[in-house]
Amino acid sequence: MSTENKLANKKRRSQKIAFGIFTATSYAIVGLLFVILAFIVTKGIGVISWEFISAMPKNGMTEGGIFPAIVGTLCLVLASMIFAFPVGVLAAIYMSEYVKDGWPKKIIKQMTNNLAGVPSIVFGLFGMSLFVNKLEFGDSILAGGLTLGLLVLPVIIRTTEESLKAVDDTFRQASFGLGASKWETTSKIVFPIAFPNIITGLILSVGRVSGETAPILFTVAAYFLPKLPTSIFDQAMALPYHLYVIATSGTDIEKSRAMAYGTALILIIIVLISNLLANALRKYYGKKVKMN
């Protein structure tokens, strides 16, 4: 066998080994996900009922339902996205389309990346100091939503920026050649093409906001509040904090154990439904871009 054939066989073996490792790792991750889901579903499915979803908690959260926590979680997700999504997208458009390459842009990018790595509890303390105390919003949906919005802002900025960069420059050049301004090119050509991928940042953000406990601990979450919020300045229960309380420091931990698993299952279902809706939105706009 010639030296070239030996080298080719060696490369093929290395490639097969590498692909085998990647495949095994992927299946292991998917298998672990199914194990976790199966565990939560098995433990929590027996608790799920219409009363559990629609009723108010009672008897120290050992009985009743989790309706206020569901409503509170949805309010926090909506409030955080109303703030973070437009701000993050506009910031990314400015960074990608208007700021020239240089040290100011590198510093801003580095600071954005550093912000993404800050622990969530630090955001909670910052939100308490600024929104709750300094701006006097108090423990409220507004304070919690703004804090969670700041938490996911770096994710939205980075994913949006990468989506805008992925748009071929020929679209920009053709638009400029037809006499369009920078803003017209960005808003009517670049942004619509990138929007289906920008939705990815929204999906990741919704998933993270739905499950965060530390930021809402200092800004909005109530231990036991068997009523619905009536304004953005009200406190609210939330599923992550509710789950933490009944699993670690409830009035009767053993009695509320099943409710904890049911709460975890409902939280997973809410995140799954949110992701499915966001994916449907991404596919819808993706088809519109292809048709155009």
C-alpha atoms as a PDB file:
ATOM      1  CA  MET A   1       0.000   0.000   0.000  1.00  0.00           C
ATOM      2  CA  SER A   2       1.391   3.363  -0.991  1.00  0.00           C
ATOM      3  CA  THR A   3       2.084   6.162   1.473  1.00  0.00           C
ATOM      4  CA  GLU A   4      -0.757   8.251  -0.006  1.00  0.00           C
ATOM      5  CA  ASN A   5      -3.265   5.439   0.536  1.00  0.00           C
ATOM      6  CA  LYS A   6      -2.095   4.985   4.114  1.00  0.00           C
ATOM      7  CA  LEU A   7      -2.528   8.685   4.796  1.00  0.00           C
ATOM      8  CA  ALA A   8      -5.984   8.646   3.195  1.00  0.00           C
ATOM      9  CA  ASN A   9      -7.049   5.629   5.292  1.00  0.00           C
ATOM     10  CA  LYS A  10      -5.706   7.295   8.420  1.00  0.00           C
ATOM     11  CA  LYS A  11      -7.694  10.455   7.664  1.00  0.00           C
ATOM     12  CA  ARG A  12     -10.863   8.438   7.062  1.00  0.00           C
ATOM     13  CA  ARG A  13     -10.405   6.578  10.362  1.00  0.00           C
ATOM     14  CA  SER A  14      -9.825   9.839  12.216  1.00  0.00           C
ATOM     15  CA  GLN A  15     -12.902  11.317  10.590  1.00  0.00           C
ATOM     16  CA  LYS A  16     -15.045   8.310  11.543  1.00  0.00           C
ATOM     17  CA  ILE A  17     -13.784   8.435  15.130  1.00  0.00           C
ATOM     18  CA  ALA A  18     -14.503  12.170  15.365  1.00  0.00           C
ATOM     19  CA  PHE A  19     -17.984  11.798  13.875  1.00  0.00           C
ATOM     20  CA  GLY A  20     -18.631   8.844  16.194  1.00  0.00           C
ATOM     21  CA  ILE A  21     -17.694  10.943  19.245  1.00  0.00           C
ATOM     22  CA  PHE A  22     -19.881  13.846  18.072  1.00  0.00           C
ATOM     23  CA  THR A  23     -22.809  11.510  17.381  1.00  0.00           C
ATOM     24  CA  ALA A  24     -22.480   9.757  20.738  1.00  0.00           C
ATOM     25  CA  THR A  25     -22.270  13.097  22.557  1.00  0.00           C
ATOM     26  CA  SER A  26     -25.359  14.399  20.770  1.00  0.00           C
ATOM     27  CA  TYR A  27     -27.395  11.293  21.588  1.00  0.00           C
ATOM     28  CA  ALA A  28     -26.181  11.399  25.191  1.00  0.00           C
ATOM     29  CA  ILE A  29     -27.357  15.002  25.572  1.00  0.00           C
ATOM     30  CA  VAL A  30     -30.744  14.215  24.022  1.00  0.00           C
ATOM     31  CA  GLY A  31     -31.022  11.094  26.196  1.00  0.00           C
ATOM     32  CA  LEU A  32     -30.237  13.083  29.341  1.00  0.00           C
ATOM     33  CA  LEU A  33     -32.904  15.624  28.380  1.00  0.00           C
ATOM     34  CA  PHE A  34     -35.495  12.875  27.975  1.00  0.00           C
ATOM     35  CA  VAL A  35     -34.487  11.335  31.314  1.00  0.00           C
ATOM     36  CA  ILE A  36     -35.002  14.678  33.087  1.00  0.00           C
ATOM     37  CA  LEU A  37     -38.319  15.268  31.327  1.00  0.00           C
ATOM     38  CA  ALA A  38     -39.496  11.743  32.055  1.00  0.00           C
ATOM     39  CA  PHE A  39     -38.625  12.175  35.739  1.00  0.00           C
ATOM     40  CA  ILE A  40     -40.540  15.472  36.019  1.00  0.00           C
ATOM     41  CA  VAL A  41     -43.522  14.162  34.054  1.00  0.00           C
ATOM     42  CA  THR A  42     -43.708  10.948  36.097  1.00  0.00           C
ATOM     43  CA  LYS A  43     -43.570  12.816  39.392  1.00  0.00           C
ATOM     44  CA  GLY A  44     -45.812  15.731  38.422  1.00  0.00           C
ATOM     45  CA  ILE A  45     -48.471  14.370  36.076  1.00  0.00           C
ATOM     46  CA  GLY A  46     -50.585  13.005  38.926  1.00  0.00           C
ATOM     47  CA  VAL A  47     -51.005  16.505  40.385  1.00  0.00           C
ATOM     48  CA  ILE A  48     -52.030  18.232  37.168  1.00  0.00           C
ATOM     49  CA  SER A  49     -55.734  19.026  37.019  1.00  0.00           C
ATOM     50  CA  TRP A  50     -57.934  21.952  36.084  1.00  0.00           C
ATOM     51  CA  GLU A  51     -58.189  22.926  39.728  1.00  0.00           C
ATOM     52  CA  PHE A  52     -54.395  22.851  40.109  1.00  0.00           C
ATOM     53  CA  ILE A  53     -54.012  25.204  37.135  1.00  0.00           C
ATOM     54  CA  SER A  54     -56.918  27.554  37.823  1.00  0.00           C
ATOM     55  CA  ALA A  55     -57.301  27.690  41.623  1.00  0.00           C
ATOM     56  CA  MET A  56     -55.654  29.914  44.212  1.00  0.00           C
ATOM     57  CA  PRO A  57     -53.126  28.409  46.654  1.00  0.00           C
ATOM     58  CA  LYS A  58     -54.338  27.769  50.199  1.00  0.00           C
ATOM     59  CA  ASN A  59     -53.326  26.235  53.518  1.00  0.00           C
ATOM     60  CA  GLY A  60     -49.756  27.476  53.284  1.00  0.00           C
ATOM     61  CA  MET A  61     -49.459  26.353  49.646  1.00  0.00           C
ATOM     62  CA  THR A  62     -49.967  22.696  50.540  1.00  0.00           C
ATOM     63  CA  GLU A  63     -53.360  22.698  48.787  1.00  0.00           C
ATOM     64  CA  GLY A  64     -55.146  24.542  46.020  1.00  0.00           C
ATOM     65  CA  GLY A  65     -53.590  25.618  42.750  1.00  0.00           C
ATOM     66  CA  ILE A  66     -50.895  27.787  41.203  1.00  0.00           C
ATOM     67  CA  PHE A  67     -52.946  30.149  39.046  1.00  0.00           C
ATOM     68  CA  PRO A  68     -51.455  33.377  40.528  1.00  0.00           C
ATOM     69  CA  ALA A  69     -47.937  32.022  39.924  1.00  0.00           C
ATOM     70  CA  ILE A  70     -48.759  31.214  36.290  1.00  0.00           C
ATOM     71  CA  VAL A  71     -50.221  34.677  35.690  1.00  0.00           C
ATOM     72  CA  GLY A  72     -47.287  36.323  37.482  1.00  0.00           C
ATOM     73  CA  THR A  73     -44.751  34.420  35.353  1.00  0.00           C
ATOM     74  CA  LEU A  74     -46.507  35.391  32.110  1.00  0.00           C
ATOM     75  CA  CYS A  75     -46.654  39.040  33.230  1.00  0.00           C
ATOM     76  CA  LEU A  76     -42.929  39.050  33.991  1.00  0.00           C
ATOM     77  CA  VAL A  77     -42.048  37.456  30.653  1.00  0.00           C
ATOM     78  CA  LEU A  78     -44.197  39.970  28.788  1.00  0.00           C
ATOM     79  CA  ALA A  79     -42.834  42.962  30.733  1.00  0.00           C
ATOM     80  CA  SER A  80     -39.213  41.921  30.262  1.00  0.00           C
ATOM     81  CA  MET A  81     -39.617  41.288  26.514  1.00  0.00           C
ATOM     82  CA  ILE A  82     -41.440  44.598  25.949  1.00  0.00           C
ATOM     83  CA  PHE A  83     -38.342  46.306  27.357  1.00  0.00           C
ATOM     84  CA  ALA A  84     -35.473  44.052  26.268  1.00  0.00           C
ATOM     85  CA  PHE A  85     -36.433  43.043  22.719  1.00  0.00           C
ATOM     86  CA  PRO A  86     -36.767  46.494  21.088  1.00  0.00           C
ATOM     87  CA  VAL A  87     -33.838  47.936  23.056  1.00  0.00           C
ATOM     88  CA  GLY A  88     -31.616  44.960  22.248  1.00  0.00           C
ATOM     89  CA  VAL A  89     -32.549  44.924  18.560  1.00  0.00           C
ATOM     90  CA  LEU A  90     -32.004  48.668  18.139  1.00  0.00           C
ATOM     91  CA  ALA A  91     -28.664  48.472  19.957  1.00  0.00           C
ATOM     92  CA  ALA A  92     -27.574  45.604  17.703  1.00  0.00           C
ATOM     93  CA  ILE A  93     -28.643  47.474  14.560  1.00  0.00           C
ATOM     94  CA  TYR A  94     -26.614  50.484  15.672  1.00  0.00           C
ATOM     95  CA  MET A  95     -23.569  48.313  16.434  1.00  0.00           C
ATOM     96  CA  SER A  96     -23.769  46.301  13.231  1.00  0.00           C
ATOM     97  CA  GLU A  97     -24.829  48.893  10.679  1.00  0.00           C
ATOM     98  CA  TYR A  98     -23.666  52.282  11.964  1.00  0.00           C
ATOM     99  CA  VAL A  99     -20.609  51.942  14.208  1.00  0.00           C
ATOM    100  CA  LYS A 100     -17.365  51.605  12.273  1.00  0.00           C
ATOM    101  CA  ASP A 101     -14.809  48.952  13.194  1.00  0.00           C
ATOM    102  CA  GLY A 102     -12.345  50.215  15.782  1.00  0.00           C
ATOM    103  CA  TRP A 103     -11.523  50.191  19.475  1.00  0.00           C
ATOM    104  CA  PRO A 104     -14.838  51.777  20.624  1.00  0.00           C
ATOM    105  CA  LYS A 105     -16.783  48.979  18.929  1.00  0.00           C
ATOM    106  CA  LYS A 106     -14.468  46.327  20.392  1.00  0.00           C
ATOM    107  CA  ILE A 107     -14.897  47.746  23.894  1.00  0.00           C
ATOM    108  CA  ILE A 108     -18.696  47.798  23.566  1.00  0.00           C
ATOM    109  CA  LYS A 109     -18.709  44.198  22.325  1.00  0.00           C
ATOM    110  CA  GLN A 110     -16.438  43.097  25.149  1.00  0.00           C
ATOM    111  CA  MET A 111     -18.622  44.818  27.723  1.00  0.00           C
ATOM    112  CA  THR A 112     -21.717  43.161  26.233  1.00  0.00           C
ATOM    113  CA  ASN A 113     -20.047  39.753  26.440  1.00  0.00           C
ATOM    114  CA  ASN A 114     -18.976  40.421  30.024  1.00  0.00           C
ATOM    115  CA  LEU A 115     -22.515  41.474  30.921  1.00  0.00           C
ATOM    116  CA  ALA A 116     -23.812  38.162  29.578  1.00  0.00           C
ATOM    117  CA  GLY A 117     -21.583  36.332  32.056  1.00  0.00           C
ATOM    118  CA  VAL A 118     -22.669  38.244  35.161  1.00  0.00           C
ATOM    119  CA  PRO A 119     -24.505  35.943  37.651  1.00  0.00           C
ATOM    120  CA  SER A 120     -28.245  36.484  37.742  1.00  0.00           C
ATOM    121  CA  ILE A 121     -28.232  37.236  41.469  1.00  0.00           C
ATOM    122  CA  VAL A 122     -26.077  40.307  40.759  1.00  0.00           C
ATOM    123  CA  PHE A 123     -28.789  41.550  38.396  1.00  0.00           C
ATOM    124  CA  GLY A 124     -31.274  40.948  41.194  1.00  0.00           C
ATOM    125  CA  LEU A 125     -29.284  43.094  43.631  1.00  0.00           C
ATOM    126  CA  PHE A 126     -28.844  45.794  40.989  1.00  0.00           C
ATOM    127  CA  GLY A 127     -32.571  45.755  40.211  1.00  0.00           C
ATOM    128  CA  MET A 128     -33.400  46.051  43.898  1.00  0.00           C
ATOM    129  CA  SER A 129     -31.027  48.976  44.325  1.00  0.00           C
ATOM    130  CA  LEU A 130     -32.095  50.884  41.187  1.00  0.00           C
ATOM    131  CA  PHE A 131     -35.697  50.009  40.392  1.00  0.00           C
ATOM    132  CA  VAL A 132     -37.069  49.049  43.811  1.00  0.00           C
ATOM    133  CA  ASN A 133     -35.293  51.623  45.994  1.00  0.00           C
ATOM    134  CA  LYS A 134     -33.815  54.443  43.883  1.00  0.00           C
ATOM    135  CA  LEU A 135     -36.685  54.839  41.413  1.00  0.00           C
ATOM    136  CA  GLU A 136     -39.184  53.800  44.089  1.00  0.00           C
ATOM    137  CA  PHE A 137     -41.044  51.248  41.975  1.00  0.00           C
ATOM    138  CA  GLY A 138     -41.146  48.981  45.008  1.00  0.00           C
ATOM    139  CA  ASP A 139     -41.465  45.210  44.755  1.00  0.00           C
ATOM    140  CA  SER A 140     -43.472  45.148  41.561  1.00  0.00           C
ATOM    141  CA  ILE A 141     -43.924  43.563  38.156  1.00  0.00           C
ATOM    142  CA  LEU A 142     -42.350  46.689  36.630  1.00  0.00           C
ATOM    143  CA  ALA A 143     -39.175  46.352  38.727  1.00  0.00           C
ATOM    144  CA  GLY A 144     -38.966  42.608  38.133  1.00  0.00           C
ATOM    145  CA  GLY A 145     -39.635  42.921  34.396  1.00  0.00           C
ATOM    146  CA  LEU A 146     -36.957  45.600  33.936  1.00  0.00           C
ATOM    147  CA  THR A 147     -34.441  43.531  35.907  1.00  0.00           C
ATOM    148  CA  LEU A 148     -35.137  40.424  33.845  1.00  0.00           C
ATOM    149  CA  GLY A 149     -34.972  42.551  30.697  1.00  0.00           C
ATOM    150  CA  LEU A 150     -31.464  43.713  31.624  1.00  0.00           C
ATOM    151  CA  LEU A 151     -30.528  40.087  32.294  1.00  0.00           C
ATOM    152  CA  VAL A 152     -31.364  38.923  28.760  1.00  0.00           C
ATOM    153  CA  LEU A 153     -30.372  42.118  26.949  1.00  0.00           C
ATOM    154  CA  PRO A 154     -26.845  40.851  26.048  1.00  0.00           C
ATOM    155  CA  VAL A 155     -28.300  37.657  24.532  1.00  0.00           C
ATOM    156  CA  ILE A 156     -30.679  39.630  22.320  1.00  0.00           C
ATOM    157  CA  ILE A 157     -27.936  42.062  21.260  1.00  0.00           C
ATOM    158  CA  ARG A 158     -25.469  39.333  20.318  1.00  0.00           C
ATOM    159  CA  THR A 159     -27.949  37.115  18.445  1.00  0.00           C
ATOM    160  CA  THR A 160     -29.389  40.106  16.574  1.00  0.00           C
ATOM    161  CA  GLU A 161     -25.950  41.374  15.645  1.00  0.00           C
ATOM    162  CA  GLU A 162     -24.902  37.981  14.292  1.00  0.00           C
ATOM    163  CA  SER A 163     -28.167  37.719  12.338  1.00  0.00           C
ATOM    164  CA  LEU A 164     -27.555  41.114  10.720  1.00  0.00           C
ATOM    165  CA  LYS A 165     -23.974  40.175   9.865  1.00  0.00           C
ATOM    166  CA  ALA A 166     -25.218  37.025   8.123  1.00  0.00           C
ATOM    167  CA  VAL A 167     -27.128  39.121   5.548  1.00  0.00           C
ATOM    168  CA  ASP A 168     -25.103  39.244   2.330  1.00  0.00           C
ATOM    169  CA  ASP A 169     -23.560  42.660   1.607  1.00  0.00           C
ATOM    170  CA  THR A 170     -24.839  42.488  -1.980  1.00  0.00           C
ATOM    171  CA  PHE A 171     -28.312  43.363  -0.659  1.00  0.00           C
ATOM    172  CA  ARG A 172     -26.943  46.508   0.954  1.00  0.00           C
ATOM    173  CA  GLN A 173     -24.946  47.469  -2.131  1.00  0.00           C
ATOM    174  CA  ALA A 174     -27.933  46.948  -4.427  1.00  0.00           C
ATOM    175  CA  SER A 175     -30.114  49.094  -2.162  1.00  0.00           C
ATOM    176  CA  PHE A 176     -27.529  51.874  -2.044  1.00  0.00           C
ATOM    177  CA  GLY A 177     -27.168  51.642  -5.811  1.00  0.00           C
ATOM    178  CA  LEU A 178     -30.877  52.330  -6.185  1.00  0.00           C
ATOM    179  CA  GLY A 179     -30.527  55.494  -4.113  1.00  0.00           C
ATOM    180  CA  ALA A 180     -31.840  54.218  -0.770  1.00  0.00           C
ATOM    181  CA  SER A 181     -30.526  55.791   2.407  1.00  0.00           C
ATOM    182  CA  LYS A 182     -28.739  53.913   5.180  1.00  0.00           C
ATOM    183  CA  TRP A 183     -31.872  53.744   7.333  1.00  0.00           C
ATOM    184  CA  GLU A 184     -34.093  52.678   4.412  1.00  0.00           C
ATOM    185  CA  THR A 185     -31.642  49.910   3.548  1.00  0.00           C
ATOM    186  CA  THR A 186     -31.433  48.737   7.133  1.00  0.00           C
ATOM    187  CA  SER A 187     -35.148  48.895   7.946  1.00  0.00           C
ATOM    188  CA  LYS A 188     -36.604  47.673   4.648  1.00  0.00           C
ATOM    189  CA  ILE A 189     -33.948  45.278   3.338  1.00  0.00           C
ATOM    190  CA  VAL A 190     -31.493  44.047   5.969  1.00  0.00           C
ATOM    191  CA  PHE A 191     -33.772  43.801   8.990  1.00  0.00           C
ATOM    192  CA  PRO A 192     -36.613  41.848   7.302  1.00  0.00           C
ATOM    193  CA  ILE A 193     -34.113  39.323   5.933  1.00  0.00           C
ATOM    194  CA  ALA A 194     -32.447  38.894   9.334  1.00  0.00           C
ATOM    195  CA  PHE A 195     -35.659  38.897  11.363  1.00  0.00           C
ATOM    196  CA  PRO A 196     -36.328  35.120  11.269  1.00  0.00           C
ATOM    197  CA  ASN A 197     -32.913  34.549  12.859  1.00  0.00           C
ATOM    198  CA  ILE A 198     -33.398  37.444  15.296  1.00  0.00           C
ATOM    199  CA  ILE A 199     -36.354  35.516  16.709  1.00  0.00           C
ATOM    200  CA  THR A 200     -33.764  33.013  18.013  1.00  0.00           C
ATOM    201  CA  GLY A 201     -32.673  35.604  20.571  1.00  0.00           C
ATOM    202  CA  LEU A 202     -36.291  36.029  21.618  1.00  0.00           C
ATOM    203  CA  ILE A 203     -36.679  32.264  22.074  1.00  0.00           C
ATOM    204  CA  LEU A 204     -33.563  32.006  24.234  1.00  0.00           C
ATOM    205  CA  SER A 205     -34.580  35.045  26.261  1.00  0.00           C
ATOM    206  CA  VAL A 206     -38.105  33.810  26.977  1.00  0.00           C
ATOM    207  CA  GLY A 207     -36.746  30.473  28.149  1.00  0.00           C
ATOM    208  CA  ARG A 208     -34.264  32.097  30.491  1.00  0.00           C
ATOM    209  CA  VAL A 209     -36.675  34.694  31.883  1.00  0.00           C
ATOM    210  CA  SER A 210     -39.298  32.037  32.602  1.00  0.00           C
ATOM    211  CA  GLY A 211     -36.972  30.055  34.838  1.00  0.00           C
ATOM    212  CA  GLU A 212     -34.995  32.728  36.686  1.00  0.00           C
ATOM    213  CA  THR A 213     -35.402  32.905  40.459  1.00  0.00           C
ATOM    214  CA  ALA A 214     -32.636  35.133  41.863  1.00  0.00           C
ATOM    215  CA  PRO A 215     -33.589  38.413  40.074  1.00  0.00           C
ATOM    216  CA  ILE A 216     -37.274  38.210  41.001  1.00  0.00           C
ATOM    217  CA  LEU A 217     -36.416  37.238  44.561  1.00  0.00           C
ATOM    218  CA  PHE A 218     -35.339  40.840  45.265  1.00  0.00           C
ATOM    219  CA  THR A 219     -37.684  42.733  42.975  1.00  0.00           C
ATOM    220  CA  VAL A 220     -41.166  41.227  42.656  1.00  0.00           C
ATOM    221  CA  ALA A 221     -41.764  37.710  43.936  1.00  0.00           C
ATOM    222  CA  ALA A 222     -44.169  37.176  46.834  1.00  0.00           C
ATOM    223  CA  TYR A 223     -44.019  34.155  49.145  1.00  0.00           C
ATOM    224  CA  PHE A 224     -47.776  33.669  49.385  1.00  0.00           C
ATOM    225  CA  LEU A 225     -50.178  35.936  47.514  1.00  0.00           C
ATOM    226  CA  PRO A 226     -53.494  34.224  46.671  1.00  0.00           C
ATOM    227  CA  LYS A 227     -54.703  36.973  44.346  1.00  0.00           C
ATOM    228  CA  LEU A 228     -53.926  38.269  40.886  1.00  0.00           C
ATOM    229  CA  PRO A 229     -51.950  41.466  40.220  1.00  0.00           C
ATOM    230  CA  THR A 230     -54.028  44.420  39.053  1.00  0.00           C
ATOM    231  CA  SER A 231     -51.249  46.736  37.852  1.00  0.00           C
ATOM    232  CA  ILE A 232     -47.547  46.744  37.005  1.00  0.00           C
ATOM    233  CA  PHE A 233     -46.808  48.174  40.449  1.00  0.00           C
ATOM    234  CA  ASP A 234     -48.174  45.123  42.262  1.00  0.00           C
ATOM    235  CA  GLN A 235     -46.210  42.224  43.651  1.00  0.00           C
ATOM    236  CA  ALA A 236     -46.821  38.837  42.082  1.00  0.00           C
ATOM    237  CA  MET A 237     -46.154  35.186  42.611  1.00  0.00           C
ATOM    238  CA  ALA A 238     -43.977  33.458  40.003  1.00  0.00           C
ATOM    239  CA  LEU A 239     -43.497  29.798  39.163  1.00  0.00           C
ATOM    240  CA  PRO A 240     -39.699  29.600  39.720  1.00  0.00           C
ATOM    241  CA  TYR A 241     -39.872  31.230  43.146  1.00  0.00           C
ATOM    242  CA  HIS A 242     -43.032  29.321  44.047  1.00  0.00           C
ATOM    243  CA  LEU A 243     -41.240  26.084  43.171  1.00  0.00           C
ATOM    244  CA  TYR A 244     -38.213  27.069  45.252  1.00  0.00           C
ATOM    245  CA  VAL A 245     -40.343  27.949  48.281  1.00  0.00           C
ATOM    246  CA  ILE A 246     -42.519  24.849  48.394  1.00  0.00           C
ATOM    247  CA  ALA A 247     -39.525  22.566  47.723  1.00  0.00           C
ATOM    248  CA  THR A 248     -37.189  24.037  50.365  1.00  0.00           C
ATOM    249  CA  SER A 249     -38.965  26.136  52.969  1.00  0.00           C
ATOM    250  CA  GLY A 250     -42.697  25.525  52.798  1.00  0.00           C
ATOM    251  CA  THR A 251     -44.913  24.967  55.818  1.00  0.00           C
ATOM    252  CA  ASP A 252     -45.029  21.225  55.099  1.00  0.00           C
ATOM    253  CA  ILE A 253     -42.356  20.217  52.586  1.00  0.00           C
ATOM    254  CA  GLU A 254     -43.316  16.553  52.407  1.00  0.00           C
ATOM    255  CA  LYS A 255     -46.986  17.317  51.886  1.00  0.00           C
ATOM    256  CA  SER A 256     -46.250  19.855  49.157  1.00  0.00           C
ATOM    257  CA  ARG A 257     -43.638  17.703  47.388  1.00  0.00           C
ATOM    258  CA  ALA A 258     -46.091  16.543  44.731  1.00  0.00           C
ATOM    259  CA  MET A 259     -47.171  20.151  44.152  1.00  0.00           C
ATOM    260  CA  ALA A 260     -43.518  21.084  43.583  1.00  0.00           C
ATOM    261  CA  TYR A 261     -43.182  18.500  40.809  1.00  0.00           C
ATOM    262  CA  GLY A 262     -46.479  19.653  39.306  1.00  0.00           C
ATOM    263  CA  THR A 263     -45.261  23.257  39.351  1.00  0.00           C
ATOM    264  CA  ALA A 264     -42.032  22.231  37.629  1.00  0.00           C
ATOM    265  CA  LEU A 265     -44.012  20.406  34.940  1.00  0.00           C
ATOM    266  CA  ILE A 266     -46.250  23.424  34.323  1.00  0.00           C
ATOM    267  CA  LEU A 267     -43.173  25.672  34.061  1.00  0.00           C
ATOM    268  CA  ILE A 268     -41.632  23.331  31.488  1.00  0.00           C
ATOM    269  CA  ILE A 269     -44.888  23.281  29.507  1.00  0.00           C
ATOM    270  CA  ILE A 270     -45.063  27.099  29.492  1.00  0.00           C
ATOM    271  CA  VAL A 271     -41.469  27.367  28.231  1.00  0.00           C
ATOM    272  CA  LEU A 272     -42.169  24.703  25.594  1.00  0.00           C
ATOM    273  CA  ILE A 273     -45.306  26.477  24.360  1.00  0.00           C
ATOM    274  CA  SER A 274     -43.451  29.817  24.258  1.00  0.00           C
ATOM    275  CA  ASN A 275     -40.645  28.268  22.210  1.00  0.00           C
ATOM    276  CA  LEU A 276     -43.090  26.608  19.821  1.00  0.00           C
ATOM    277  CA  LEU A 277     -44.904  29.908  19.251  1.00  0.00           C
ATOM    278  CA  ALA A 278     -41.631  31.739  18.673  1.00  0.00           C
ATOM    279  CA  ASN A 279     -40.471  29.014  16.248  1.00  0.00           C
ATOM    280  CA  ALA A 280     -43.762  29.280  14.369  1.00  0.00           C
ATOM    281  CA  LEU A 281     -43.250  33.045  14.147  1.00  0.00           C
ATOM    282  CA  ARG A 282     -39.714  32.528  12.842  1.00  0.00           C
ATOM    283  CA  LYS A 283     -40.910  30.074  10.161  1.00  0.00           C
ATOM    284  CA  TYR A 284     -43.706  32.438   9.144  1.00  0.00           C
ATOM    285  CA  TYR A 285     -41.353  35.368   8.595  1.00  0.00           C
ATOM    286  CA  GLY A 286     -38.776  33.054   7.023  1.00  0.00           C
ATOM    287  CA  LYS A 287     -41.325  32.035   4.377  1.00  0.00           C
ATOM    288  CA  LYS A 288     -42.258  35.674   3.767  1.00  0.00           C
ATOM    289  CA  VAL A 289     -38.622  36.554   3.158  1.00  0.00           C
ATOM    290  CA  LYS A 290     -38.232  33.650   0.711  1.00  0.00           C
ATOM    291  CA  MET A 291     -41.412  34.613  -1.154  1.00  0.00           C
ATOM    292  CA  ASN A 292     -40.197  38.164  -1.492  1.00  0.00           C
END
